Structures are given as structure tokens and as C-alpha cells.
N, C-alpha and C. Protein backbone atom coordinates (compact mmCIF):
# COMPACT_ATOMS: atom_id res chain seq x y z
N MET A 1 37.88 -28.15 -21.55
CA MET A 1 36.67 -27.95 -20.81
C MET A 1 35.93 -29.27 -20.74
N SER A 2 35.41 -29.57 -19.57
CA SER A 2 34.46 -30.67 -19.41
C SER A 2 33.30 -30.12 -18.60
N TYR A 3 32.18 -30.79 -18.66
CA TYR A 3 31.03 -30.27 -17.93
C TYR A 3 30.02 -31.36 -17.64
N GLN A 4 29.19 -31.08 -16.64
CA GLN A 4 28.00 -31.86 -16.38
C GLN A 4 26.84 -30.94 -16.72
N ALA A 5 25.78 -31.53 -17.28
CA ALA A 5 24.66 -30.70 -17.71
C ALA A 5 23.34 -31.37 -17.44
N VAL A 6 22.31 -30.53 -17.42
CA VAL A 6 20.94 -30.99 -17.33
C VAL A 6 20.20 -30.42 -18.54
N ARG A 7 19.61 -31.31 -19.31
CA ARG A 7 18.79 -30.89 -20.44
C ARG A 7 17.43 -31.55 -20.27
N ALA A 8 16.38 -30.76 -20.25
CA ALA A 8 15.04 -31.30 -20.02
C ALA A 8 14.04 -30.57 -20.91
N GLY A 9 13.05 -31.31 -21.33
CA GLY A 9 11.98 -30.74 -22.15
C GLY A 9 10.98 -31.83 -22.48
N SER A 10 10.00 -31.47 -23.25
CA SER A 10 9.00 -32.46 -23.65
C SER A 10 9.65 -33.51 -24.55
N ALA A 11 9.02 -34.66 -24.64
CA ALA A 11 9.55 -35.73 -25.50
C ALA A 11 9.68 -35.27 -26.95
N ALA A 12 8.72 -34.49 -27.43
CA ALA A 12 8.74 -34.01 -28.82
C ALA A 12 9.91 -33.07 -29.06
N ILE A 13 10.16 -32.17 -28.12
CA ILE A 13 11.27 -31.22 -28.26
C ILE A 13 12.61 -31.96 -28.21
N LEU A 14 12.77 -32.87 -27.24
CA LEU A 14 14.03 -33.61 -27.13
C LEU A 14 14.28 -34.48 -28.36
N GLU A 15 13.24 -35.01 -28.94
CA GLU A 15 13.39 -35.80 -30.17
C GLU A 15 13.89 -34.92 -31.31
N LYS A 16 13.34 -33.71 -31.44
CA LYS A 16 13.81 -32.77 -32.46
C LYS A 16 15.27 -32.42 -32.23
N LEU A 17 15.66 -32.17 -30.97
CA LEU A 17 17.05 -31.86 -30.66
C LEU A 17 17.97 -33.00 -31.07
N ASP A 18 17.58 -34.21 -30.74
CA ASP A 18 18.40 -35.38 -31.08
C ASP A 18 18.55 -35.57 -32.58
N LYS A 19 17.56 -35.12 -33.35
CA LYS A 19 17.63 -35.21 -34.81
C LYS A 19 18.38 -34.04 -35.43
N GLY A 20 18.75 -33.04 -34.60
CA GLY A 20 19.44 -31.87 -35.12
C GLY A 20 18.52 -30.85 -35.75
N GLU A 21 17.22 -30.96 -35.49
CA GLU A 21 16.26 -30.01 -36.04
C GLU A 21 16.27 -28.72 -35.23
N PRO A 22 15.96 -27.58 -35.86
CA PRO A 22 15.94 -26.31 -35.11
C PRO A 22 14.82 -26.30 -34.08
N VAL A 23 15.15 -25.83 -32.88
CA VAL A 23 14.20 -25.76 -31.77
C VAL A 23 14.40 -24.43 -31.05
N ASP A 24 13.33 -23.78 -30.68
CA ASP A 24 13.40 -22.54 -29.91
C ASP A 24 14.07 -22.83 -28.56
N PRO A 25 15.17 -22.15 -28.23
CA PRO A 25 15.88 -22.43 -26.98
C PRO A 25 15.05 -22.18 -25.72
N THR A 26 13.97 -21.41 -25.83
CA THR A 26 13.12 -21.19 -24.65
C THR A 26 12.15 -22.35 -24.42
N SER A 27 12.13 -23.33 -25.32
CA SER A 27 11.19 -24.44 -25.19
C SER A 27 11.76 -25.63 -24.40
N TYR A 28 13.01 -25.52 -23.94
CA TYR A 28 13.60 -26.57 -23.12
C TYR A 28 14.63 -25.96 -22.18
N TYR A 29 15.06 -26.76 -21.22
CA TYR A 29 15.99 -26.32 -20.17
C TYR A 29 17.34 -26.98 -20.42
N PHE A 30 18.41 -26.18 -20.48
CA PHE A 30 19.75 -26.71 -20.66
C PHE A 30 20.71 -25.86 -19.85
N ARG A 31 21.18 -26.41 -18.75
CA ARG A 31 22.12 -25.70 -17.86
C ARG A 31 23.31 -26.61 -17.60
N MET A 32 24.47 -26.00 -17.37
CA MET A 32 25.69 -26.79 -17.17
C MET A 32 26.61 -26.15 -16.14
N ASN A 33 27.54 -26.97 -15.63
CA ASN A 33 28.60 -26.45 -14.78
C ASN A 33 29.94 -26.94 -15.34
N PRO A 34 30.56 -26.10 -16.18
CA PRO A 34 31.82 -26.47 -16.80
C PRO A 34 33.00 -26.33 -15.83
N THR A 35 34.02 -27.15 -16.05
CA THR A 35 35.30 -27.00 -15.36
C THR A 35 36.38 -26.95 -16.44
N PHE A 36 37.47 -26.31 -16.11
CA PHE A 36 38.54 -26.08 -17.08
C PHE A 36 39.84 -26.66 -16.57
N GLU A 37 40.67 -27.09 -17.50
CA GLU A 37 42.01 -27.56 -17.17
C GLU A 37 42.96 -27.00 -18.22
N THR A 38 43.77 -26.04 -17.80
CA THR A 38 44.70 -25.40 -18.73
C THR A 38 46.12 -25.54 -18.21
N GLN A 39 47.06 -25.24 -19.06
CA GLN A 39 48.46 -25.23 -18.66
C GLN A 39 48.74 -23.95 -17.86
N THR A 40 49.82 -23.96 -17.12
CA THR A 40 50.25 -22.76 -16.43
C THR A 40 50.55 -21.69 -17.48
N GLY A 41 50.15 -20.48 -17.18
CA GLY A 41 50.39 -19.39 -18.13
C GLY A 41 49.19 -18.49 -18.24
N LYS A 42 48.95 -18.01 -19.43
CA LYS A 42 47.94 -16.99 -19.70
C LYS A 42 46.55 -17.36 -19.19
N TYR A 43 46.13 -18.63 -19.34
CA TYR A 43 44.77 -19.03 -18.98
C TYR A 43 44.69 -19.85 -17.69
N ASP A 44 45.76 -19.85 -16.91
CA ASP A 44 45.81 -20.61 -15.67
C ASP A 44 44.70 -20.21 -14.70
N TRP A 45 44.27 -18.96 -14.72
CA TRP A 45 43.21 -18.49 -13.83
C TRP A 45 41.92 -19.27 -14.01
N MET A 46 41.70 -19.84 -15.19
CA MET A 46 40.48 -20.59 -15.44
C MET A 46 40.41 -21.89 -14.62
N ASN A 47 41.56 -22.39 -14.20
CA ASN A 47 41.60 -23.60 -13.38
C ASN A 47 41.03 -23.37 -11.98
N ARG A 48 40.84 -22.12 -11.59
CA ARG A 48 40.44 -21.80 -10.23
C ARG A 48 39.12 -21.05 -10.14
N ILE A 49 38.25 -21.22 -11.11
CA ILE A 49 36.97 -20.51 -11.06
C ILE A 49 35.80 -21.51 -10.99
N ILE A 50 34.68 -21.00 -10.52
CA ILE A 50 33.41 -21.70 -10.59
C ILE A 50 32.63 -21.05 -11.73
N ALA A 51 32.07 -21.87 -12.59
CA ALA A 51 31.33 -21.34 -13.74
C ALA A 51 30.01 -22.08 -13.89
N VAL A 52 29.06 -21.39 -14.50
CA VAL A 52 27.77 -21.98 -14.87
C VAL A 52 27.50 -21.59 -16.32
N GLY A 53 26.63 -22.31 -16.96
CA GLY A 53 26.36 -21.98 -18.34
C GLY A 53 24.98 -22.42 -18.79
N THR A 54 24.60 -21.86 -19.93
CA THR A 54 23.37 -22.26 -20.60
C THR A 54 23.76 -22.71 -21.99
N GLY A 55 22.89 -23.43 -22.62
CA GLY A 55 23.21 -23.88 -23.96
C GLY A 55 21.96 -24.11 -24.77
N HIS A 56 22.13 -24.12 -26.06
CA HIS A 56 21.08 -24.58 -26.96
C HIS A 56 21.72 -25.16 -28.20
N ARG A 57 20.95 -25.94 -28.89
CA ARG A 57 21.47 -26.70 -30.01
C ARG A 57 21.07 -26.03 -31.32
N LEU A 58 22.08 -25.60 -32.06
CA LEU A 58 21.84 -25.12 -33.42
C LEU A 58 21.88 -26.33 -34.35
N ALA A 59 21.47 -26.19 -35.57
CA ALA A 59 21.47 -27.31 -36.51
C ALA A 59 22.88 -27.85 -36.71
N GLU A 60 23.88 -26.95 -36.73
CA GLU A 60 25.25 -27.37 -37.03
C GLU A 60 26.10 -27.68 -35.80
N SER A 61 25.71 -27.19 -34.63
CA SER A 61 26.52 -27.42 -33.43
C SER A 61 25.82 -26.85 -32.20
N PRO A 62 26.29 -27.21 -31.01
CA PRO A 62 25.75 -26.57 -29.81
C PRO A 62 26.35 -25.17 -29.63
N LEU A 63 25.63 -24.32 -28.93
CA LEU A 63 26.10 -22.98 -28.62
C LEU A 63 25.99 -22.81 -27.10
N TYR A 64 27.11 -22.48 -26.46
CA TYR A 64 27.15 -22.34 -25.01
C TYR A 64 27.42 -20.89 -24.63
N SER A 65 26.78 -20.45 -23.56
CA SER A 65 27.10 -19.16 -22.92
C SER A 65 27.56 -19.52 -21.51
N ILE A 66 28.79 -19.17 -21.18
CA ILE A 66 29.38 -19.57 -19.91
C ILE A 66 29.73 -18.33 -19.11
N PHE A 67 29.45 -18.40 -17.78
CA PHE A 67 29.62 -17.26 -16.90
C PHE A 67 30.40 -17.67 -15.65
N GLU A 68 31.34 -16.84 -15.25
CA GLU A 68 32.07 -17.06 -14.01
C GLU A 68 31.19 -16.61 -12.85
N VAL A 69 31.12 -17.42 -11.80
CA VAL A 69 30.41 -17.06 -10.59
C VAL A 69 31.36 -16.26 -9.72
N LEU A 70 31.00 -15.03 -9.40
CA LEU A 70 31.88 -14.16 -8.60
C LEU A 70 31.52 -14.21 -7.13
């Protein structure tokens, strides 16, 4: 998976995110458009979809919710 994303918020919120501090996900904007590249087989269908996603940063890692556009 690769993606382009937009993350926007106040300078204070973005600074906390960059430091890995917990931040309420409703206090900033994080949207993405992921694309997938898989081998032929079980997940080949993912190579042919349009998807959008949201994300937020947990202390230990990012968390993404990704949706296929129908």
C-alpha cells in the first residue's frame, strides 16, 4: 500500500502529533487516498479499486480506516 494524505490542524496539535503524544482525532484533519499493488491471486481485486481513508496517530503507531469507493 502507498498513499497520499492531507493532515492539517493547529500548530500545537501538529507538534503533539510529531512528538507521539496522544491527541483527540477530532482535533485535526487526516484523509488519504491509498493505492494497492498485489500479486495475481486472492488479493488481485485490490489493484483495481479506488479507496479513501481516515487516520489518526496513536502513541505507538498510526491507525487507518480505509474504504472502497463503490
